[in-house]
Amino acid sequence: MKLLKTKEMILCGLFAALMAVGANVSPFFTIGGVPITLQLMFAILAGGILGSRLGAIAMSVYMFIGLAGAPVFAQFKGGPAQLLSPTFGFIVSFIIVAYICGKLIGDKVDVSKGTYVLTGVLSIFFNYIIGTNFMFVALKVWAEAPEGFNYAMAWVWMAAYLPLDIVVTIVSLSIVPRLSKAINRVYSTQEVVN
């Protein structure tokens, strides 16, 4: 097992904190019980800037901090009971999204536009597949599903989020190279000073 360097721990902590902020930008506006957040953006940025390993670690840290009880999840929720929340699948999906983004574009110098498009499509795909399926099962099995709720309705609810998620994904992927360079410049300057 590879231990994390101080720089890596700081960056993982930073992105875990950004996820907490992104979870609560509009804490009380929901569609179908799913709050609108900027978490997908920060998961993409974490993977694109930190790489697959550190991006997934940062998202895992965020998840475990929330499960430990800190109110970092959407609508300022936290605690182990969130494992049973219909939206918990989305939290798990952010780990996968960060990992995929890191594998496809993290630490790469010349990334083609096609790779960015593929990264965006896969990010939204895995976020929606994992999150929506978990939400459907949770609402049908242990949470209270609305009258007449079915699998198609779960996807109709998620369709309302798709335009925003497409815009967020495009913006996130477009700023990854600049943020990555800026972070690397800061840390390379720190290493020269020390």
N, C-alpha and C. Protein backbone atom coordinates (compact mmCIF):
# COMPACT_ATOMS: atom_id res chain seq x y z
N MET A 1 0.84 -1.18 0.00
CA MET A 1 0.00 0.00 0.00
C MET A 1 0.89 1.24 0.00
N LYS A 2 0.60 2.15 -0.91
CA LYS A 2 1.37 3.37 -1.05
C LYS A 2 0.82 4.44 -0.11
N LEU A 3 1.70 4.99 0.73
CA LEU A 3 1.29 6.05 1.65
C LEU A 3 1.16 7.37 0.91
N LEU A 4 0.28 8.23 1.39
CA LEU A 4 0.08 9.53 0.78
C LEU A 4 1.13 10.52 1.27
N LYS A 5 1.61 11.34 0.35
CA LYS A 5 2.51 12.44 0.71
C LYS A 5 1.66 13.57 1.28
N THR A 6 2.32 14.51 1.95
CA THR A 6 1.60 15.65 2.54
C THR A 6 0.80 16.40 1.49
N LYS A 7 1.41 16.69 0.35
CA LYS A 7 0.72 17.40 -0.74
C LYS A 7 -0.53 16.64 -1.15
N GLU A 8 -0.43 15.33 -1.27
CA GLU A 8 -1.58 14.51 -1.70
C GLU A 8 -2.69 14.55 -0.65
N MET A 9 -2.31 14.49 0.63
CA MET A 9 -3.32 14.56 1.70
C MET A 9 -4.04 15.90 1.68
N ILE A 10 -3.28 16.97 1.47
CA ILE A 10 -3.88 18.31 1.43
C ILE A 10 -4.87 18.41 0.28
N LEU A 11 -4.47 17.94 -0.89
CA LEU A 11 -5.35 18.03 -2.06
C LEU A 11 -6.59 17.14 -1.91
N CYS A 12 -6.42 15.96 -1.34
CA CYS A 12 -7.58 15.09 -1.09
C CYS A 12 -8.54 15.76 -0.11
N GLY A 13 -7.99 16.35 0.95
CA GLY A 13 -8.81 17.07 1.92
C GLY A 13 -9.52 18.26 1.30
N LEU A 14 -8.80 18.97 0.43
CA LEU A 14 -9.40 20.13 -0.25
C LEU A 14 -10.60 19.70 -1.09
N PHE A 15 -10.44 18.63 -1.87
CA PHE A 15 -11.55 18.20 -2.72
C PHE A 15 -12.69 17.58 -1.92
N ALA A 16 -12.38 16.95 -0.79
CA ALA A 16 -13.45 16.46 0.08
C ALA A 16 -14.25 17.65 0.62
N ALA A 17 -13.55 18.72 1.00
CA ALA A 17 -14.22 19.93 1.49
C ALA A 17 -15.03 20.60 0.38
N LEU A 18 -14.48 20.65 -0.83
CA LEU A 18 -15.22 21.23 -1.95
C LEU A 18 -16.50 20.45 -2.24
N MET A 19 -16.44 19.13 -2.08
CA MET A 19 -17.65 18.31 -2.26
C MET A 19 -18.71 18.70 -1.24
N ALA A 20 -18.29 18.95 0.00
CA ALA A 20 -19.25 19.34 1.04
C ALA A 20 -19.90 20.67 0.69
N VAL A 21 -19.12 21.60 0.18
CA VAL A 21 -19.67 22.89 -0.24
C VAL A 21 -20.60 22.69 -1.44
N GLY A 22 -20.13 21.92 -2.42
CA GLY A 22 -20.92 21.66 -3.62
C GLY A 22 -22.22 20.93 -3.34
N ALA A 23 -22.25 20.17 -2.26
CA ALA A 23 -23.46 19.43 -1.89
C ALA A 23 -24.57 20.36 -1.41
N ASN A 24 -24.19 21.53 -0.97
CA ASN A 24 -25.17 22.40 -0.32
C ASN A 24 -25.27 23.79 -0.93
N VAL A 25 -24.97 23.91 -2.21
CA VAL A 25 -25.10 25.22 -2.85
C VAL A 25 -26.56 25.65 -2.95
N SER A 26 -27.44 24.72 -3.13
CA SER A 26 -28.88 25.01 -3.13
C SER A 26 -29.56 23.93 -2.31
N PRO A 27 -29.39 23.98 -0.98
CA PRO A 27 -29.74 22.84 -0.13
C PRO A 27 -31.21 22.47 -0.07
N PHE A 28 -32.09 23.36 -0.44
CA PHE A 28 -33.49 23.03 -0.25
C PHE A 28 -34.28 22.99 -1.54
N PHE A 29 -33.59 22.98 -2.68
CA PHE A 29 -34.27 22.88 -3.97
C PHE A 29 -34.08 21.47 -4.50
N THR A 30 -35.16 20.72 -4.62
CA THR A 30 -35.07 19.33 -5.07
C THR A 30 -36.01 19.08 -6.24
N ILE A 31 -35.69 18.04 -6.98
CA ILE A 31 -36.58 17.53 -8.03
C ILE A 31 -36.76 16.04 -7.73
N GLY A 32 -37.98 15.63 -7.47
CA GLY A 32 -38.23 14.23 -7.17
C GLY A 32 -37.50 13.74 -5.93
N GLY A 33 -37.25 14.65 -4.99
CA GLY A 33 -36.56 14.27 -3.77
C GLY A 33 -35.04 14.28 -3.89
N VAL A 34 -34.51 14.59 -5.07
CA VAL A 34 -33.06 14.63 -5.27
C VAL A 34 -32.63 16.09 -5.32
N PRO A 35 -31.77 16.53 -4.37
CA PRO A 35 -31.36 17.93 -4.34
C PRO A 35 -30.43 18.29 -5.50
N ILE A 36 -30.50 19.53 -5.93
CA ILE A 36 -29.60 20.03 -6.97
C ILE A 36 -28.29 20.42 -6.29
N THR A 37 -27.18 19.90 -6.79
CA THR A 37 -25.87 20.16 -6.20
C THR A 37 -24.83 20.37 -7.30
N LEU A 38 -23.62 20.70 -6.87
CA LEU A 38 -22.48 20.79 -7.79
C LEU A 38 -21.49 19.66 -7.52
N GLN A 39 -21.95 18.58 -6.94
CA GLN A 39 -21.07 17.48 -6.59
C GLN A 39 -20.47 16.80 -7.81
N LEU A 40 -21.23 16.66 -8.88
CA LEU A 40 -20.69 16.05 -10.09
C LEU A 40 -19.50 16.86 -10.59
N MET A 41 -19.60 18.18 -10.52
CA MET A 41 -18.50 19.04 -10.95
C MET A 41 -17.23 18.76 -10.14
N PHE A 42 -17.37 18.69 -8.82
CA PHE A 42 -16.18 18.49 -7.99
C PHE A 42 -15.63 17.07 -8.11
N ALA A 43 -16.48 16.10 -8.38
CA ALA A 43 -15.98 14.73 -8.62
C ALA A 43 -15.16 14.70 -9.91
N ILE A 44 -15.65 15.37 -10.95
CA ILE A 44 -14.92 15.43 -12.22
C ILE A 44 -13.60 16.17 -12.03
N LEU A 45 -13.64 17.30 -11.34
CA LEU A 45 -12.41 18.06 -11.09
C LEU A 45 -11.41 17.26 -10.26
N ALA A 46 -11.90 16.54 -9.26
CA ALA A 46 -11.01 15.74 -8.42
C ALA A 46 -10.27 14.70 -9.26
N GLY A 47 -11.00 13.98 -10.09
CA GLY A 47 -10.36 12.97 -10.92
C GLY A 47 -9.46 13.57 -11.97
N GLY A 48 -9.92 14.64 -12.61
CA GLY A 48 -9.14 15.26 -13.67
C GLY A 48 -7.87 15.91 -13.18
N ILE A 49 -7.89 16.47 -11.97
CA ILE A 49 -6.73 17.17 -11.44
C ILE A 49 -5.84 16.25 -10.61
N LEU A 50 -6.45 15.44 -9.76
CA LEU A 50 -5.67 14.59 -8.85
C LEU A 50 -5.29 13.24 -9.45
N GLY A 51 -5.98 12.82 -10.49
CA GLY A 51 -5.76 11.50 -11.05
C GLY A 51 -6.72 10.50 -10.45
N SER A 52 -6.71 9.29 -10.97
CA SER A 52 -7.71 8.29 -10.57
C SER A 52 -7.59 7.89 -9.10
N ARG A 53 -6.39 7.62 -8.64
CA ARG A 53 -6.19 7.15 -7.27
C ARG A 53 -6.58 8.22 -6.25
N LEU A 54 -5.98 9.39 -6.38
CA LEU A 54 -6.25 10.45 -5.41
C LEU A 54 -7.66 11.02 -5.54
N GLY A 55 -8.17 11.09 -6.76
CA GLY A 55 -9.54 11.55 -6.95
C GLY A 55 -10.53 10.64 -6.24
N ALA A 56 -10.35 9.33 -6.41
CA ALA A 56 -11.23 8.36 -5.74
C ALA A 56 -11.05 8.42 -4.22
N ILE A 57 -9.81 8.62 -3.77
CA ILE A 57 -9.57 8.74 -2.33
C ILE A 57 -10.28 9.97 -1.77
N ALA A 58 -10.18 11.10 -2.47
CA ALA A 58 -10.83 12.34 -2.01
C ALA A 58 -12.34 12.15 -1.89
N MET A 59 -12.95 11.50 -2.88
CA MET A 59 -14.39 11.27 -2.84
C MET A 59 -14.75 10.27 -1.74
N SER A 60 -13.89 9.30 -1.50
CA SER A 60 -14.12 8.33 -0.41
C SER A 60 -14.03 9.02 0.95
N VAL A 61 -13.05 9.92 1.09
CA VAL A 61 -12.91 10.68 2.34
C VAL A 61 -14.19 11.47 2.60
N TYR A 62 -14.69 12.13 1.56
CA TYR A 62 -15.95 12.88 1.68
C TYR A 62 -17.08 11.96 2.16
N MET A 63 -17.20 10.80 1.53
CA MET A 63 -18.26 9.87 1.89
C MET A 63 -18.13 9.41 3.35
N PHE A 64 -16.92 9.04 3.76
CA PHE A 64 -16.73 8.54 5.12
C PHE A 64 -16.90 9.63 6.18
N ILE A 65 -16.52 10.87 5.85
CA ILE A 65 -16.75 11.98 6.78
C ILE A 65 -18.26 12.15 6.99
N GLY A 66 -19.01 12.08 5.91
CA GLY A 66 -20.47 12.19 6.02
C GLY A 66 -21.08 11.04 6.80
N LEU A 67 -20.61 9.83 6.52
CA LEU A 67 -21.15 8.67 7.24
C LEU A 67 -20.77 8.69 8.72
N ALA A 68 -19.66 9.34 9.05
CA ALA A 68 -19.25 9.46 10.45
C ALA A 68 -20.12 10.45 11.22
N GLY A 69 -20.90 11.25 10.50
CA GLY A 69 -21.84 12.14 11.17
C GLY A 69 -21.73 13.60 10.81
N ALA A 70 -20.68 14.00 10.12
CA ALA A 70 -20.57 15.41 9.72
C ALA A 70 -21.67 15.74 8.70
N PRO A 71 -22.32 16.88 8.83
CA PRO A 71 -23.42 17.22 7.91
C PRO A 71 -22.92 17.75 6.57
N VAL A 72 -22.24 16.89 5.82
CA VAL A 72 -21.61 17.31 4.56
C VAL A 72 -22.39 16.86 3.33
N PHE A 73 -23.37 15.99 3.50
CA PHE A 73 -24.15 15.55 2.36
C PHE A 73 -25.20 16.61 2.02
N ALA A 74 -25.85 16.45 0.89
CA ALA A 74 -26.85 17.42 0.45
C ALA A 74 -27.90 17.64 1.53
N GLN A 75 -28.38 18.86 1.62
CA GLN A 75 -29.35 19.29 2.62
C GLN A 75 -28.78 19.17 4.04
N PHE A 76 -27.45 19.28 4.15
CA PHE A 76 -26.73 19.26 5.42
C PHE A 76 -27.02 17.99 6.23
N LYS A 77 -27.06 16.87 5.55
CA LYS A 77 -27.30 15.60 6.21
C LYS A 77 -25.98 14.86 6.41
N GLY A 78 -25.98 13.94 7.35
CA GLY A 78 -24.82 13.11 7.62
C GLY A 78 -25.19 12.01 8.58
N GLY A 79 -24.27 11.08 8.79
CA GLY A 79 -24.50 9.98 9.72
C GLY A 79 -24.71 8.66 8.99
N PRO A 80 -24.57 7.56 9.72
CA PRO A 80 -24.68 6.23 9.10
C PRO A 80 -26.05 5.94 8.50
N ALA A 81 -27.09 6.62 8.97
CA ALA A 81 -28.43 6.41 8.41
C ALA A 81 -28.49 6.80 6.94
N GLN A 82 -27.54 7.60 6.49
CA GLN A 82 -27.52 8.03 5.08
C GLN A 82 -27.26 6.86 4.13
N LEU A 83 -26.73 5.76 4.66
CA LEU A 83 -26.56 4.55 3.83
C LEU A 83 -27.90 4.10 3.26
N LEU A 84 -28.97 4.40 3.97
CA LEU A 84 -30.31 3.99 3.53
C LEU A 84 -31.05 5.09 2.78
N SER A 85 -30.43 6.24 2.64
CA SER A 85 -31.06 7.34 1.91
C SER A 85 -31.17 6.97 0.44
N PRO A 86 -32.28 7.30 -0.20
CA PRO A 86 -32.42 7.00 -1.63
C PRO A 86 -31.35 7.66 -2.50
N THR A 87 -30.73 8.73 -2.01
CA THR A 87 -29.71 9.42 -2.82
C THR A 87 -28.29 8.96 -2.53
N PHE A 88 -28.11 7.97 -1.65
CA PHE A 88 -26.75 7.53 -1.30
C PHE A 88 -26.01 6.94 -2.51
N GLY A 89 -26.71 6.36 -3.44
CA GLY A 89 -26.06 5.81 -4.64
C GLY A 89 -25.31 6.87 -5.42
N PHE A 90 -25.81 8.10 -5.39
CA PHE A 90 -25.10 9.19 -6.07
C PHE A 90 -23.77 9.47 -5.39
N ILE A 91 -23.74 9.40 -4.07
CA ILE A 91 -22.50 9.64 -3.34
C ILE A 91 -21.47 8.58 -3.72
N VAL A 92 -21.89 7.33 -3.80
CA VAL A 92 -20.99 6.25 -4.24
C VAL A 92 -20.54 6.49 -5.67
N SER A 93 -21.44 6.97 -6.51
CA SER A 93 -21.09 7.18 -7.92
C SER A 93 -19.99 8.22 -8.09
N PHE A 94 -19.87 9.16 -7.17
CA PHE A 94 -18.84 10.19 -7.31
C PHE A 94 -17.44 9.59 -7.18
N ILE A 95 -17.30 8.53 -6.43
CA ILE A 95 -16.01 7.84 -6.33
C ILE A 95 -15.65 7.25 -7.69
N ILE A 96 -16.62 6.61 -8.32
CA ILE A 96 -16.42 6.00 -9.65
C ILE A 96 -16.14 7.08 -10.69
N VAL A 97 -16.90 8.18 -10.65
CA VAL A 97 -16.71 9.28 -11.60
C VAL A 97 -15.29 9.84 -11.49
N ALA A 98 -14.84 10.10 -10.27
CA ALA A 98 -13.49 10.64 -10.09
C ALA A 98 -12.44 9.66 -10.61
N TYR A 99 -12.64 8.38 -10.35
CA TYR A 99 -11.69 7.37 -10.82
C TYR A 99 -11.63 7.34 -12.35
N ILE A 100 -12.79 7.34 -12.99
CA ILE A 100 -12.84 7.29 -14.46
C ILE A 100 -12.20 8.54 -15.07
N CYS A 101 -12.55 9.70 -14.53
CA CYS A 101 -11.95 10.95 -15.04
C CYS A 101 -10.43 10.93 -14.88
N GLY A 102 -9.98 10.45 -13.76
CA GLY A 102 -8.54 10.36 -13.53
C GLY A 102 -7.85 9.43 -14.49
N LYS A 103 -8.48 8.31 -14.79
CA LYS A 103 -7.90 7.35 -15.73
C LYS A 103 -7.83 7.92 -17.14
N LEU A 104 -8.86 8.65 -17.54
CA LEU A 104 -8.93 9.14 -18.92
C LEU A 104 -8.18 10.44 -19.15
N ILE A 105 -8.22 11.38 -18.18
CA ILE A 105 -7.59 12.68 -18.44
C ILE A 105 -6.60 13.13 -17.37
N GLY A 106 -6.62 12.53 -16.19
CA GLY A 106 -5.72 12.96 -15.12
C GLY A 106 -4.26 12.70 -15.48
N ASP A 107 -3.41 13.66 -15.17
CA ASP A 107 -1.96 13.55 -15.40
C ASP A 107 -1.58 13.36 -16.86
N LYS A 108 -2.46 13.69 -17.77
CA LYS A 108 -2.15 13.58 -19.20
C LYS A 108 -1.84 14.97 -19.74
N VAL A 109 -0.84 15.06 -20.62
CA VAL A 109 -0.45 16.36 -21.17
C VAL A 109 -1.32 16.73 -22.36
N ASP A 110 -1.39 15.87 -23.34
CA ASP A 110 -2.18 16.14 -24.54
C ASP A 110 -3.40 15.24 -24.58
N VAL A 111 -4.53 15.79 -24.22
CA VAL A 111 -5.78 15.03 -24.22
C VAL A 111 -6.62 15.53 -25.39
N SER A 112 -7.08 14.60 -26.20
CA SER A 112 -7.88 14.98 -27.37
C SER A 112 -9.28 15.41 -26.95
N LYS A 113 -9.93 16.16 -27.82
CA LYS A 113 -11.31 16.57 -27.56
C LYS A 113 -12.22 15.36 -27.45
N GLY A 114 -11.93 14.33 -28.23
CA GLY A 114 -12.72 13.10 -28.17
C GLY A 114 -12.63 12.44 -26.80
N THR A 115 -11.44 12.48 -26.20
CA THR A 115 -11.27 11.91 -24.86
C THR A 115 -12.05 12.71 -23.83
N TYR A 116 -12.06 14.03 -23.99
CA TYR A 116 -12.86 14.86 -23.08
C TYR A 116 -14.34 14.54 -23.22
N VAL A 117 -14.81 14.38 -24.45
CA VAL A 117 -16.22 14.05 -24.68
C VAL A 117 -16.54 12.69 -24.05
N LEU A 118 -15.68 11.70 -24.29
CA LEU A 118 -15.87 10.37 -23.70
C LEU A 118 -15.89 10.45 -22.18
N THR A 119 -14.98 11.23 -21.61
CA THR A 119 -14.93 11.39 -20.16
C THR A 119 -16.24 11.98 -19.63
N GLY A 120 -16.74 13.00 -20.31
CA GLY A 120 -18.00 13.62 -19.90
C GLY A 120 -19.17 12.67 -19.98
N VAL A 121 -19.26 11.94 -21.08
CA VAL A 121 -20.36 10.99 -21.27
C VAL A 121 -20.30 9.89 -20.20
N LEU A 122 -19.11 9.34 -19.97
CA LEU A 122 -18.97 8.28 -18.97
C LEU A 122 -19.25 8.79 -17.56
N SER A 123 -18.85 10.03 -17.28
CA SER A 123 -19.11 10.61 -15.96
C SER A 123 -20.60 10.68 -15.68
N ILE A 124 -21.33 11.25 -16.62
CA ILE A 124 -22.78 11.36 -16.44
C ILE A 124 -23.43 9.98 -16.43
N PHE A 125 -22.98 9.09 -17.31
CA PHE A 125 -23.55 7.75 -17.40
C PHE A 125 -23.43 7.02 -16.06
N PHE A 126 -22.23 6.96 -15.49
CA PHE A 126 -22.05 6.22 -14.24
C PHE A 126 -22.74 6.92 -13.07
N ASN A 127 -22.73 8.24 -13.05
CA ASN A 127 -23.43 8.98 -12.01
C ASN A 127 -24.92 8.64 -12.03
N TYR A 128 -25.51 8.65 -13.21
CA TYR A 128 -26.95 8.38 -13.34
C TYR A 128 -27.28 6.90 -13.14
N ILE A 129 -26.51 6.01 -13.72
CA ILE A 129 -26.81 4.57 -13.60
C ILE A 129 -26.75 4.13 -12.15
N ILE A 130 -25.66 4.46 -11.47
CA ILE A 130 -25.51 4.03 -10.07
C ILE A 130 -26.53 4.74 -9.18
N GLY A 131 -26.61 6.05 -9.31
CA GLY A 131 -27.50 6.83 -8.44
C GLY A 131 -28.97 6.54 -8.65
N THR A 132 -29.40 6.48 -9.89
CA THR A 132 -30.82 6.27 -10.17
C THR A 132 -31.27 4.87 -9.81
N ASN A 133 -30.45 3.87 -10.11
CA ASN A 133 -30.83 2.50 -9.76
C ASN A 133 -30.88 2.31 -8.25
N PHE A 134 -29.93 2.89 -7.52
CA PHE A 134 -29.96 2.81 -6.06
C PHE A 134 -31.21 3.51 -5.53
N MET A 135 -31.51 4.70 -6.08
CA MET A 135 -32.69 5.45 -5.65
C MET A 135 -33.96 4.64 -5.89
N PHE A 136 -34.07 4.01 -7.05
CA PHE A 136 -35.25 3.21 -7.35
C PHE A 136 -35.42 2.07 -6.35
N VAL A 137 -34.35 1.32 -6.12
CA VAL A 137 -34.41 0.19 -5.18
C VAL A 137 -34.74 0.70 -3.78
N ALA A 138 -34.08 1.77 -3.36
CA ALA A 138 -34.33 2.30 -2.02
C ALA A 138 -35.79 2.72 -1.84
N LEU A 139 -36.32 3.42 -2.82
CA LEU A 139 -37.71 3.88 -2.71
C LEU A 139 -38.70 2.72 -2.76
N LYS A 140 -38.39 1.70 -3.51
CA LYS A 140 -39.31 0.56 -3.62
C LYS A 140 -39.20 -0.39 -2.42
N VAL A 141 -37.99 -0.55 -1.86
CA VAL A 141 -37.79 -1.57 -0.84
C VAL A 141 -37.91 -1.04 0.58
N TRP A 142 -37.21 0.05 0.93
CA TRP A 142 -37.23 0.47 2.33
C TRP A 142 -37.68 1.91 2.56
N ALA A 143 -37.62 2.75 1.59
CA ALA A 143 -38.10 4.13 1.77
C ALA A 143 -39.54 4.20 1.26
N GLU A 144 -40.17 5.30 1.46
CA GLU A 144 -41.56 5.44 1.03
C GLU A 144 -41.61 6.00 -0.39
N ALA A 145 -41.95 5.16 -1.33
CA ALA A 145 -42.09 5.59 -2.73
C ALA A 145 -43.42 6.33 -2.89
N PRO A 146 -43.42 7.37 -3.72
CA PRO A 146 -44.70 8.05 -3.99
C PRO A 146 -45.68 7.10 -4.67
N GLU A 147 -46.93 7.42 -4.59
CA GLU A 147 -47.99 6.62 -5.23
C GLU A 147 -47.70 6.49 -6.72
N GLY A 148 -47.74 5.28 -7.24
CA GLY A 148 -47.53 5.03 -8.67
C GLY A 148 -46.08 5.08 -9.12
N PHE A 149 -45.15 5.13 -8.17
CA PHE A 149 -43.73 5.21 -8.53
C PHE A 149 -43.28 3.94 -9.23
N ASN A 150 -42.54 4.11 -10.33
CA ASN A 150 -41.98 2.96 -11.04
C ASN A 150 -40.61 3.35 -11.61
N TYR A 151 -39.98 2.39 -12.28
CA TYR A 151 -38.62 2.60 -12.79
C TYR A 151 -38.58 3.74 -13.81
N ALA A 152 -39.57 3.82 -14.66
CA ALA A 152 -39.61 4.90 -15.66
C ALA A 152 -39.72 6.26 -14.98
N MET A 153 -40.48 6.34 -13.90
CA MET A 153 -40.63 7.61 -13.19
C MET A 153 -39.29 8.06 -12.59
N ALA A 154 -38.51 7.11 -12.10
CA ALA A 154 -37.19 7.46 -11.56
C ALA A 154 -36.34 8.13 -12.63
N TRP A 155 -36.39 7.60 -13.85
CA TRP A 155 -35.61 8.18 -14.95
C TRP A 155 -36.19 9.50 -15.43
N VAL A 156 -37.50 9.66 -15.34
CA VAL A 156 -38.10 10.95 -15.70
C VAL A 156 -37.64 12.02 -14.71
N TRP A 157 -37.59 11.68 -13.44
CA TRP A 157 -37.08 12.63 -12.45
C TRP A 157 -35.66 13.05 -12.80
N MET A 158 -34.84 12.07 -13.16
CA MET A 158 -33.43 12.37 -13.45
C MET A 158 -33.26 13.16 -14.74
N ALA A 159 -34.18 13.01 -15.67
CA ALA A 159 -34.10 13.76 -16.93
C ALA A 159 -34.14 15.26 -16.68
N ALA A 160 -34.80 15.67 -15.61
CA ALA A 160 -34.85 17.10 -15.27
C ALA A 160 -33.47 17.65 -14.92
N TYR A 161 -32.59 16.79 -14.42
CA TYR A 161 -31.23 17.21 -14.04
C TYR A 161 -30.25 17.18 -15.21
N LEU A 162 -30.57 16.44 -16.24
CA LEU A 162 -29.61 16.20 -17.32
C LEU A 162 -29.06 17.47 -17.97
N PRO A 163 -29.88 18.44 -18.34
CA PRO A 163 -29.31 19.64 -18.96
C PRO A 163 -28.28 20.34 -18.06
N LEU A 164 -28.60 20.49 -16.78
CA LEU A 164 -27.66 21.11 -15.85
C LEU A 164 -26.39 20.28 -15.73
N ASP A 165 -26.53 18.96 -15.63
CA ASP A 165 -25.35 18.10 -15.50
C ASP A 165 -24.48 18.13 -16.75
N ILE A 166 -25.08 18.27 -17.91
CA ILE A 166 -24.29 18.39 -19.14
C ILE A 166 -23.49 19.68 -19.12
N VAL A 167 -24.12 20.79 -18.74
CA VAL A 167 -23.41 22.08 -18.66
C VAL A 167 -22.30 22.01 -17.62
N VAL A 168 -22.60 21.48 -16.44
CA VAL A 168 -21.61 21.36 -15.37
C VAL A 168 -20.43 20.50 -15.82
N THR A 169 -20.71 19.42 -16.52
CA THR A 169 -19.65 18.54 -17.01
C THR A 169 -18.77 19.25 -18.02
N ILE A 170 -19.37 19.97 -18.95
CA ILE A 170 -18.59 20.70 -19.96
C ILE A 170 -17.71 21.76 -19.29
N VAL A 171 -18.28 22.52 -18.37
CA VAL A 171 -17.51 23.55 -17.67
C VAL A 171 -16.38 22.91 -16.87
N SER A 172 -16.68 21.84 -16.15
CA SER A 172 -15.67 21.17 -15.34
C SER A 172 -14.51 20.68 -16.19
N LEU A 173 -14.83 19.99 -17.26
CA LEU A 173 -13.77 19.44 -18.11
C LEU A 173 -12.98 20.54 -18.81
N SER A 174 -13.61 21.68 -19.07
CA SER A 174 -12.88 22.77 -19.74
C SER A 174 -11.90 23.47 -18.81
N ILE A 175 -12.15 23.43 -17.50
CA ILE A 175 -11.22 24.10 -16.59
C ILE A 175 -10.20 23.17 -15.95
N VAL A 176 -10.34 21.87 -16.15
CA VAL A 176 -9.37 20.92 -15.59
C VAL A 176 -7.94 21.25 -15.98
N PRO A 177 -7.62 21.47 -17.27
CA PRO A 177 -6.21 21.72 -17.62
C PRO A 177 -5.65 22.97 -16.93
N ARG A 178 -6.42 24.04 -16.86
CA ARG A 178 -5.93 25.27 -16.24
C ARG A 178 -5.76 25.12 -14.73
N LEU A 179 -6.71 24.50 -14.07
CA LEU A 179 -6.58 24.30 -12.63
C LEU A 179 -5.43 23.36 -12.30
N SER A 180 -5.28 22.33 -13.11
CA SER A 180 -4.20 21.38 -12.89
C SER A 180 -2.84 22.07 -13.00
N LYS A 181 -2.67 22.90 -14.03
CA LYS A 181 -1.42 23.65 -14.19
C LYS A 181 -1.19 24.60 -13.02
N ALA A 182 -2.24 25.28 -12.59
CA ALA A 182 -2.11 26.23 -11.47
C ALA A 182 -1.70 25.51 -10.19
N ILE A 183 -2.32 24.39 -9.90
CA ILE A 183 -1.98 23.64 -8.69
C ILE A 183 -0.55 23.12 -8.78
N ASN A 184 -0.17 22.59 -9.92
CA ASN A 184 1.21 22.10 -10.08
C ASN A 184 2.22 23.23 -9.95
N ARG A 185 1.88 24.41 -10.46
CA ARG A 185 2.78 25.56 -10.36
C ARG A 185 2.95 25.97 -8.90
N VAL A 186 1.87 25.99 -8.14
CA VAL A 186 1.95 26.35 -6.72
C VAL A 186 2.84 25.36 -5.98
N TYR A 187 2.65 24.08 -6.22
CA TYR A 187 3.44 23.10 -5.49
C TYR A 187 4.88 23.03 -5.97
N SER A 188 5.14 23.29 -7.24
CA SER A 188 6.53 23.30 -7.70
C SER A 188 7.26 24.52 -7.14
N THR A 189 6.56 25.65 -6.96
CA THR A 189 7.15 26.84 -6.34
C THR A 189 7.45 26.56 -4.88
N GLN A 190 6.55 25.87 -4.19
CA GLN A 190 6.77 25.53 -2.78
C GLN A 190 7.99 24.64 -2.61
N GLU A 191 8.17 23.69 -3.52
CA GLU A 191 9.31 22.78 -3.43
C GLU A 191 10.62 23.51 -3.64
N VAL A 192 10.65 24.52 -4.53
CA VAL A 192 11.86 25.31 -4.77
C VAL A 192 12.19 26.14 -3.54
N VAL A 193 11.17 26.74 -2.90
CA VAL A 193 11.38 27.57 -1.72
C VAL A 193 11.90 26.74 -0.57
N ASN A 194 11.36 25.56 -0.39
CA ASN A 194 11.78 24.69 0.72
C ASN A 194 13.08 24.05 0.36
